[in-house]
């Protein structure tokens, strides 16, 4: 309560909560320079309103694909360390 998306994301990062890696921002505030700078600075995936369902679906699939790649890299690193 009382937090916007940026504040929520930053709270997750401060607490080292791994959920911060699984956030897709959906925003209608892409006109604001502050919003664009925040998303760019943190390299956060986002979809701007209004959007087509294909855009949202594509962004979700891209995130899921990146998570699979990251999991494979982490597994490979763990195997090498063992």
PDB file of N, CA and C in Angstrom:
ATOM      1  N   UNK A   1       0.836  -1.204   0.000  1.00  0.00           N
ATOM      2  CA  UNK A   1       0.000   0.000   0.000  1.00  0.00           C
ATOM      3  C   UNK A   1       0.873   1.258   0.000  1.00  0.00           C
ATOM      4  N   UNK A   2       0.468   2.216  -0.802  1.00  0.00           N
ATOM      5  CA  UNK A   2       1.186   3.478  -0.844  1.00  0.00           C
ATOM      6  C   UNK A   2       2.417   3.469  -1.726  1.00  0.00           C
ATOM      7  N   UNK A   3       2.660   2.378  -2.439  1.00  0.00           N
ATOM      8  CA  UNK A   3       3.829   2.293  -3.308  1.00  0.00           C
ATOM      9  C   UNK A   3       3.401   2.269  -4.761  1.00  0.00           C
ATOM     10  N   UNK A   4       4.228   2.894  -5.600  1.00  0.00           N
ATOM     11  CA  UNK A   4       4.016   2.731  -7.026  1.00  0.00           C
ATOM     12  C   UNK A   4       4.924   1.584  -7.505  1.00  0.00           C
ATOM     13  N   UNK A   5       4.897   1.288  -8.775  1.00  0.00           N
ATOM     14  CA  UNK A   5       5.683   0.175  -9.301  1.00  0.00           C
ATOM     15  C   UNK A   5       7.175   0.327  -9.097  1.00  0.00           C
ATOM     16  N   UNK A   6       7.670   1.556  -9.272  1.00  0.00           N
ATOM     17  CA  UNK A   6       9.100   1.792  -9.083  1.00  0.00           C
ATOM     18  C   UNK A   6       9.510   1.555  -7.635  1.00  0.00           C
ATOM     19  N   UNK A   7       8.712   2.053  -6.722  1.00  0.00           N
ATOM     20  CA  UNK A   7       9.014   1.884  -5.298  1.00  0.00           C
ATOM     21  C   UNK A   7       8.978   0.401  -4.912  1.00  0.00           C
ATOM     22  N   UNK A   8       7.991  -0.318  -5.434  1.00  0.00           N
ATOM     23  CA  UNK A   8       7.879  -1.735  -5.136  1.00  0.00           C
ATOM     24  C   UNK A   8       9.102  -2.490  -5.657  1.00  0.00           C
ATOM     25  N   UNK A   9       9.497  -2.207  -6.893  1.00  0.00           N
ATOM     26  CA  UNK A   9      10.669  -2.858  -7.480  1.00  0.00           C
ATOM     27  C   UNK A   9      11.916  -2.568  -6.640  1.00  0.00           C
ATOM     28  N   UNK A  10      12.112  -1.313  -6.278  1.00  0.00           N
ATOM     29  CA  UNK A  10      13.295  -0.938  -5.500  1.00  0.00           C
ATOM     30  C   UNK A  10      13.297  -1.591  -4.121  1.00  0.00           C
ATOM     31  N   UNK A  11      12.126  -1.763  -3.518  1.00  0.00           N
ATOM     32  CA  UNK A  11      12.036  -2.443  -2.222  1.00  0.00           C
ATOM     33  C   UNK A  11      12.448  -3.905  -2.357  1.00  0.00           C
ATOM     34  N   UNK A  12      12.036  -4.547  -3.440  1.00  0.00           N
ATOM     35  CA  UNK A  12      12.440  -5.930  -3.673  1.00  0.00           C
ATOM     36  C   UNK A  12      13.952  -6.039  -3.845  1.00  0.00           C
ATOM     37  N   UNK A  13      14.535  -5.117  -4.596  1.00  0.00           N
ATOM     38  CA  UNK A  13      15.983  -5.126  -4.812  1.00  0.00           C
ATOM     39  C   UNK A  13      16.722  -4.924  -3.500  1.00  0.00           C
ATOM     40  N   UNK A  14      16.288  -3.942  -2.704  1.00  0.00           N
ATOM     41  CA  UNK A  14      16.944  -3.671  -1.410  1.00  0.00           C
ATOM     42  C   UNK A  14      16.908  -4.891  -0.502  1.00  0.00           C
ATOM     43  N   UNK A  15      15.833  -5.645  -0.571  1.00  0.00           N
ATOM     44  CA  UNK A  15      15.684  -6.819   0.296  1.00  0.00           C
ATOM     45  C   UNK A  15      16.292  -8.082  -0.327  1.00  0.00           C
ATOM     46  N   UNK A  16      16.935  -7.912  -1.485  1.00  0.00           N
ATOM     47  CA  UNK A  16      17.539  -9.038  -2.211  1.00  0.00           C
ATOM     48  C   UNK A  16      16.514 -10.125  -2.495  1.00  0.00           C
ATOM     49  N   UNK A  17      15.289  -9.705  -2.743  1.00  0.00           N
ATOM     50  CA  UNK A  17      14.205 -10.632  -3.055  1.00  0.00           C
ATOM     51  C   UNK A  17      14.309 -11.014  -4.536  1.00  0.00           C
ATOM     52  N   UNK A  18      14.441 -12.300  -4.838  1.00  0.00           N
ATOM     53  CA  UNK A  18      14.610 -12.724  -6.232  1.00  0.00           C
ATOM     54  C   UNK A  18      13.404 -12.415  -7.128  1.00  0.00           C
ATOM     55  N   UNK A  19      12.285 -12.053  -6.555  1.00  0.00           N
ATOM     56  CA  UNK A  19      11.123 -11.713  -7.376  1.00  0.00           C
ATOM     57  C   UNK A  19      11.370 -10.489  -8.251  1.00  0.00           C
ATOM     58  N   UNK A  20      12.348  -9.674  -7.886  1.00  0.00           N
ATOM     59  CA  UNK A  20      12.617  -8.482  -8.701  1.00  0.00           C
ATOM     60  C   UNK A  20      13.058  -8.861 -10.113  1.00  0.00           C
ATOM     61  N   UNK A  21      13.497 -10.085 -10.309  1.00  0.00           N
ATOM     62  CA  UNK A  21      13.920 -10.565 -11.632  1.00  0.00           C
ATOM     63  C   UNK A  21      12.742 -11.054 -12.472  1.00  0.00           C
ATOM     64  N   UNK A  22      11.552 -11.041 -11.911  1.00  0.00           N
ATOM     65  CA  UNK A  22      10.378 -11.603 -12.588  1.00  0.00           C
ATOM     66  C   UNK A  22       9.269 -10.576 -12.783  1.00  0.00           C
ATOM     67  N   UNK A  23       9.638  -9.316 -12.898  1.00  0.00           N
ATOM     68  CA  UNK A  23       8.637  -8.262 -13.025  1.00  0.00           C
ATOM     69  C   UNK A  23       8.595  -7.738 -14.452  1.00  0.00           C
ATOM     70  N   UNK A  24       7.393  -7.654 -14.970  1.00  0.00           N
ATOM     71  CA  UNK A  24       7.138  -7.020 -16.261  1.00  0.00           C
ATOM     72  C   UNK A  24       6.297  -5.788 -15.967  1.00  0.00           C
ATOM     73  N   UNK A  25       6.836  -4.622 -16.257  1.00  0.00           N
ATOM     74  CA  UNK A  25       6.102  -3.393 -16.006  1.00  0.00           C
ATOM     75  C   UNK A  25       5.104  -3.143 -17.125  1.00  0.00           C
ATOM     76  N   UNK A  26       3.889  -2.798 -16.742  1.00  0.00           N
ATOM     77  CA  UNK A  26       2.846  -2.388 -17.686  1.00  0.00           C
ATOM     78  C   UNK A  26       2.510  -0.961 -17.279  1.00  0.00           C
ATOM     79  N   UNK A  27       2.804  -0.019 -18.159  1.00  0.00           N
ATOM     80  CA  UNK A  27       2.669   1.379 -17.776  1.00  0.00           C
ATOM     81  C   UNK A  27       1.976   2.210 -18.835  1.00  0.00           C
ATOM     82  N   UNK A  28       1.264   3.193 -18.386  1.00  0.00           N
ATOM     83  CA  UNK A  28       0.646   4.167 -19.270  1.00  0.00           C
ATOM     84  C   UNK A  28       1.374   5.494 -19.159  1.00  0.00           C
ATOM     85  N   UNK A  29       2.509   5.496 -18.463  1.00  0.00           N
ATOM     86  CA  UNK A  29       3.238   6.731 -18.166  1.00  0.00           C
ATOM     87  C   UNK A  29       4.557   6.810 -18.932  1.00  0.00           C
ATOM     88  N   UNK A  30       4.571   6.353 -20.177  1.00  0.00           N
ATOM     89  CA  UNK A  30       5.810   6.360 -20.952  1.00  0.00           C
ATOM     90  C   UNK A  30       6.179   7.764 -21.428  1.00  0.00           C
ATOM     91  N   UNK A  31       5.279   8.701 -21.289  1.00  0.00           N
ATOM     92  CA  UNK A  31       5.571  10.075 -21.687  1.00  0.00           C
ATOM     93  C   UNK A  31       6.526  10.714 -20.681  1.00  0.00           C
ATOM     94  N   UNK A  32       6.405  10.331 -19.421  1.00  0.00           N
ATOM     95  CA  UNK A  32       7.239  10.909 -18.371  1.00  0.00           C
ATOM     96  C   UNK A  32       8.685  10.434 -18.522  1.00  0.00           C
ATOM     97  N   UNK A  33       9.591  11.381 -18.620  1.00  0.00           N
ATOM     98  CA  UNK A  33      11.008  11.068 -18.768  1.00  0.00           C
ATOM     99  C   UNK A  33      11.512  10.235 -17.595  1.00  0.00           C
ATOM    100  N   UNK A  34      11.020  10.527 -16.402  1.00  0.00           N
ATOM    101  CA  UNK A  34      11.439   9.801 -15.195  1.00  0.00           C
ATOM    102  C   UNK A  34      11.126   8.305 -15.309  1.00  0.00           C
ATOM    103  N   UNK A  35       9.959   7.991 -15.829  1.00  0.00           N
ATOM    104  CA  UNK A  35       9.561   6.590 -15.988  1.00  0.00           C
ATOM    105  C   UNK A  35      10.463   5.891 -16.997  1.00  0.00           C
ATOM    106  N   UNK A  36      10.682   6.519 -18.141  1.00  0.00           N
ATOM    107  CA  UNK A  36      11.529   5.919 -19.180  1.00  0.00           C
ATOM    108  C   UNK A  36      12.959   5.730 -18.683  1.00  0.00           C
ATOM    109  N   UNK A  37      13.488   6.719 -17.971  1.00  0.00           N
ATOM    110  CA  UNK A  37      14.847   6.611 -17.425  1.00  0.00           C
ATOM    111  C   UNK A  37      14.956   5.470 -16.429  1.00  0.00           C
ATOM    112  N   UNK A  38      13.949   5.313 -15.586  1.00  0.00           N
ATOM    113  CA  UNK A  38      13.947   4.228 -14.599  1.00  0.00           C
ATOM    114  C   UNK A  38      13.978   2.871 -15.297  1.00  0.00           C
ATOM    115  N   UNK A  39      13.110   2.690 -16.271  1.00  0.00           N
ATOM    116  CA  UNK A  39      13.045   1.413 -16.982  1.00  0.00           C
ATOM    117  C   UNK A  39      14.340   1.142 -17.745  1.00  0.00           C
ATOM    118  N   UNK A  40      14.889   2.153 -18.374  1.00  0.00           N
ATOM    119  CA  UNK A  40      16.135   1.998 -19.128  1.00  0.00           C
ATOM    120  C   UNK A  40      17.320   1.737 -18.205  1.00  0.00           C
ATOM    121  N   UNK A  41      17.412   2.487 -17.120  1.00  0.00           N
ATOM    122  CA  UNK A  41      18.541   2.362 -16.183  1.00  0.00           C
ATOM    123  C   UNK A  41      18.631   0.956 -15.601  1.00  0.00           C
ATOM    124  N   UNK A  42      17.478   0.385 -15.297  1.00  0.00           N
ATOM    125  CA  UNK A  42      17.454  -0.951 -14.687  1.00  0.00           C
ATOM    126  C   UNK A  42      17.250  -2.064 -15.709  1.00  0.00           C
ATOM    127  N   UNK A  43      17.151  -1.669 -16.985  1.00  0.00           N
ATOM    128  CA  UNK A  43      16.949  -2.633 -18.082  1.00  0.00           C
ATOM    129  C   UNK A  43      15.745  -3.535 -17.800  1.00  0.00           C
ATOM    130  N   UNK A  44      14.635  -2.907 -17.477  1.00  0.00           N
ATOM    131  CA  UNK A  44      13.438  -3.641 -17.096  1.00  0.00           C
ATOM    132  C   UNK A  44      12.510  -3.844 -18.284  1.00  0.00           C
ATOM    133  N   UNK A  45      11.992  -5.048 -18.411  1.00  0.00           N
ATOM    134  CA  UNK A  45      11.023  -5.292 -19.482  1.00  0.00           C
ATOM    135  C   UNK A  45       9.731  -4.550 -19.182  1.00  0.00           C
ATOM    136  N   UNK A  46       9.126  -4.035 -20.245  1.00  0.00           N
ATOM    137  CA  UNK A  46       7.893  -3.273 -20.043  1.00  0.00           C
ATOM    138  C   UNK A  46       7.042  -3.281 -21.306  1.00  0.00           C
ATOM    139  N   UNK A  47       5.767  -3.037 -21.095  1.00  0.00           N
ATOM    140  CA  UNK A  47       4.796  -2.890 -22.173  1.00  0.00           C
ATOM    141  C   UNK A  47       4.051  -1.596 -21.887  1.00  0.00           C
ATOM    142  N   UNK A  48       3.956  -0.749 -22.901  1.00  0.00           N
ATOM    143  CA  UNK A  48       3.292   0.543 -22.726  1.00  0.00           C
ATOM    144  C   UNK A  48       1.822   0.447 -23.124  1.00  0.00           C
ATOM    145  N   UNK A  49       0.970   1.036 -22.298  1.00  0.00           N
ATOM    146  CA  UNK A  49      -0.463   1.119 -22.613  1.00  0.00           C
ATOM    147  C   UNK A  49      -0.685   2.215 -23.628  1.00  0.00           C
ATOM    148  N   UNK A  50      -1.616   2.116 -24.484  1.00  0.00           N
ATOM    149  CA  UNK A  50      -2.402   0.910 -24.759  1.00  0.00           C
ATOM    150  C   UNK A  50      -1.549  -0.080 -25.549  1.00  0.00           C
ATOM    151  N   UNK A  51      -1.785  -1.340 -25.329  1.00  0.00           N
ATOM    152  CA  UNK A  51      -1.019  -2.374 -26.020  1.00  0.00           C
ATOM    153  C   UNK A  51      -1.969  -3.409 -26.602  1.00  0.00           C
ATOM    154  N   UNK A  52      -1.468  -4.122 -27.578  1.00  0.00           N
ATOM    155  CA  UNK A  52      -2.222  -5.250 -28.141  1.00  0.00           C
ATOM    156  C   UNK A  52      -1.862  -6.497 -27.330  1.00  0.00           C
ATOM    157  N   UNK A  53      -2.766  -7.429 -27.270  1.00  0.00           N
ATOM    158  CA  UNK A  53      -2.511  -8.664 -26.519  1.00  0.00           C
ATOM    159  C   UNK A  53      -1.273  -9.380 -27.040  1.00  0.00           C
ATOM    160  N   UNK A  54      -1.001  -9.262 -28.341  1.00  0.00           N
ATOM    161  CA  UNK A  54       0.190  -9.897 -28.920  1.00  0.00           C
ATOM    162  C   UNK A  54       1.470  -9.291 -28.331  1.00  0.00           C
ATOM    163  N   UNK A  55       1.443  -7.991 -28.053  1.00  0.00           N
ATOM    164  CA  UNK A  55       2.612  -7.342 -27.445  1.00  0.00           C
ATOM    165  C   UNK A  55       2.848  -7.867 -26.035  1.00  0.00           C
ATOM    166  N   UNK A  56       1.776  -7.957 -25.254  1.00  0.00           N
ATOM    167  CA  UNK A  56       1.887  -8.466 -23.894  1.00  0.00           C
ATOM    168  C   UNK A  56       2.340  -9.915 -23.903  1.00  0.00           C
ATOM    169  N   UNK A  57       1.733 -10.701 -24.743  1.00  0.00           N
ATOM    170  CA  UNK A  57       2.099 -12.114 -24.849  1.00  0.00           C
ATOM    171  C   UNK A  57       3.561 -12.265 -25.256  1.00  0.00           C
ATOM    172  N   UNK A  58       3.999 -11.464 -26.221  1.00  0.00           N
ATOM    173  CA  UNK A  58       5.396 -11.519 -26.664  1.00  0.00           C
ATOM    174  C   UNK A  58       6.359 -11.152 -25.556  1.00  0.00           C
ATOM    175  N   UNK A  59       6.015 -10.133 -24.770  1.00  0.00           N
ATOM    176  CA  UNK A  59       6.873  -9.711 -23.665  1.00  0.00           C
ATOM    177  C   UNK A  59       6.962 -10.803 -22.593  1.00  0.00           C
ATOM    178  N   UNK A  60       5.846 -11.438 -22.299  1.00  0.00           N
ATOM    179  CA  UNK A  60       5.837 -12.528 -21.311  1.00  0.00           C
ATOM    180  C   UNK A  60       6.655 -13.699 -21.816  1.00  0.00           C
ATOM    181  N   UNK A  61       6.478 -14.079 -23.063  1.00  0.00           N
ATOM    182  CA  UNK A  61       7.252 -15.191 -23.631  1.00  0.00           C
ATOM    183  C   UNK A  61       8.746 -14.872 -23.656  1.00  0.00           C
ATOM    184  N   UNK A  62       9.097 -13.625 -23.959  1.00  0.00           N
ATOM    185  CA  UNK A  62      10.507 -13.223 -23.959  1.00  0.00           C
ATOM    186  C   UNK A  62      11.104 -13.356 -22.560  1.00  0.00           C
ATOM    187  N   UNK A  63      10.343 -12.931 -21.554  1.00  0.00           N
ATOM    188  CA  UNK A  63      10.823 -13.059 -20.178  1.00  0.00           C
ATOM    189  C   UNK A  63      11.011 -14.520 -19.792  1.00  0.00           C
ATOM    190  N   UNK A  64      10.053 -15.353 -20.153  1.00  0.00           N
ATOM    191  CA  UNK A  64      10.157 -16.771 -19.833  1.00  0.00           C
ATOM    192  C   UNK A  64      11.342 -17.406 -20.537  1.00  0.00           C
ATOM    193  N   UNK A  65      11.593 -17.017 -21.779  1.00  0.00           N
ATOM    194  CA  UNK A  65      12.743 -17.528 -22.519  1.00  0.00           C
ATOM    195  C   UNK A  65      14.050 -17.134 -21.877  1.00  0.00           C
ATOM    196  N   UNK A  66      14.141 -15.891 -21.414  1.00  0.00           N
ATOM    197  CA  UNK A  66      15.360 -15.425 -20.754  1.00  0.00           C
ATOM    198  C   UNK A  66      15.575 -16.168 -19.445  1.00  0.00           C
ATOM    199  N   UNK A  67      14.506 -16.457 -18.731  1.00  0.00           N
ATOM    200  CA  UNK A  67      14.629 -17.171 -17.462  1.00  0.00           C
ATOM    201  C   UNK A  67      15.149 -18.592 -17.704  1.00  0.00           C
ATOM    202  N   UNK A  68      14.691 -19.228 -18.778  1.00  0.00           N
ATOM    203  CA  UNK A  68      15.179 -20.568 -19.104  1.00  0.00           C
ATOM    204  C   UNK A  68      16.664 -20.529 -19.433  1.00  0.00           C
ATOM    205  N   UNK A  69      17.092 -19.521 -20.208  1.00  0.00           N
ATOM    206  CA  UNK A  69      18.498 -19.383 -20.559  1.00  0.00           C
ATOM    207  C   UNK A  69      19.341 -19.157 -19.310  1.00  0.00           C
ATOM    208  N   UNK A  70      18.875 -18.283 -18.424  1.00  0.00           N
ATOM    209  CA  UNK A  70      19.590 -17.986 -17.197  1.00  0.00           C
ATOM    210  C   UNK A  70      19.693 -19.228 -16.315  1.00  0.00           C
ATOM    211  N   UNK A  71      18.628 -19.991 -16.219  1.00  0.00           N
ATOM    212  CA  UNK A  71      18.638 -21.217 -15.415  1.00  0.00           C
ATOM    213  C   UNK A  71      19.656 -22.207 -15.982  1.00  0.00           C
ATOM    214  N   UNK A  72      19.740 -22.306 -17.298  1.00  0.00           N
ATOM    215  CA  UNK A  72      20.700 -23.219 -17.928  1.00  0.00           C
ATOM    216  C   UNK A  72      22.137 -22.781 -17.634  1.00  0.00           C
ATOM    217  N   UNK A  73      22.397 -21.486 -17.684  1.00  0.00           N
ATOM    218  CA  UNK A  73      23.734 -20.970 -17.394  1.00  0.00           C
ATOM    219  C   UNK A  73      24.087 -21.241 -15.938  1.00  0.00           C
ATOM    220  N   UNK A  74      23.146 -20.984 -15.042  1.00  0.00           N
ATOM    221  CA  UNK A  74      23.413 -21.222 -13.613  1.00  0.00           C
ATOM    222  C   UNK A  74      23.683 -22.703 -13.342  1.00  0.00           C
ATOM    223  N   UNK A  75      22.928 -23.586 -13.995  1.00  0.00           N
ATOM    224  CA  UNK A  75      23.128 -25.016 -13.823  1.00  0.00           C
ATOM    225  C   UNK A  75      24.515 -25.421 -14.334  1.00  0.00           C
ATOM    226  N   UNK A  76      24.929 -24.847 -15.437  1.00  0.00           N
ATOM    227  CA  UNK A  76      26.235 -25.144 -16.002  1.00  0.00           C
ATOM    228  C   UNK A  76      27.363 -24.694 -15.068  1.00  0.00           C
ATOM    229  N   UNK A  77      27.205 -23.503 -14.495  1.00  0.00           N
ATOM    230  CA  UNK A  77      28.194 -22.981 -13.564  1.00  0.00           C
ATOM    231  C   UNK A  77      28.277 -23.863 -12.324  1.00  0.00           C
ATOM    232  N   UNK A  78      27.133 -24.271 -11.800  1.00  0.00           N
ATOM    233  CA  UNK A  78      27.099 -25.139 -10.621  1.00  0.00           C
ATOM    234  C   UNK A  78      27.792 -26.468 -10.910  1.00  0.00           C
ATOM    235  N   UNK A  79      27.530 -27.021 -12.094  1.00  0.00           N
ATOM    236  CA  UNK A  79      28.141 -28.296 -12.469  1.00  0.00           C
ATOM    237  C   UNK A  79      29.662 -28.174 -12.544  1.00  0.00           C
ATOM    238  N   UNK A  80      30.155 -27.057 -13.033  1.00  0.00           N
ATOM    239  CA  UNK A  80      31.599 -26.830 -13.131  1.00  0.00           C
ATOM    240  C   UNK A  80      32.230 -26.640 -11.771  1.00  0.00           C
ATOM    241  N   UNK A  81      31.474 -26.056 -10.838  1.00  0.00           N
ATOM    242  CA  UNK A  81      31.986 -25.822  -9.485  1.00  0.00           C
ATOM    243  C   UNK A  81      32.025 -27.102  -8.664  1.00  0.00           C
ATOM    244  N   UNK A  82      31.212 -28.063  -9.028  1.00  0.00           N
ATOM    245  CA  UNK A  82      31.113 -29.304  -8.232  1.00  0.00           C
ATOM    246  C   UNK A  82      32.272 -30.237  -8.482  1.00  0.00           C
TER     247      UNK A  82
END
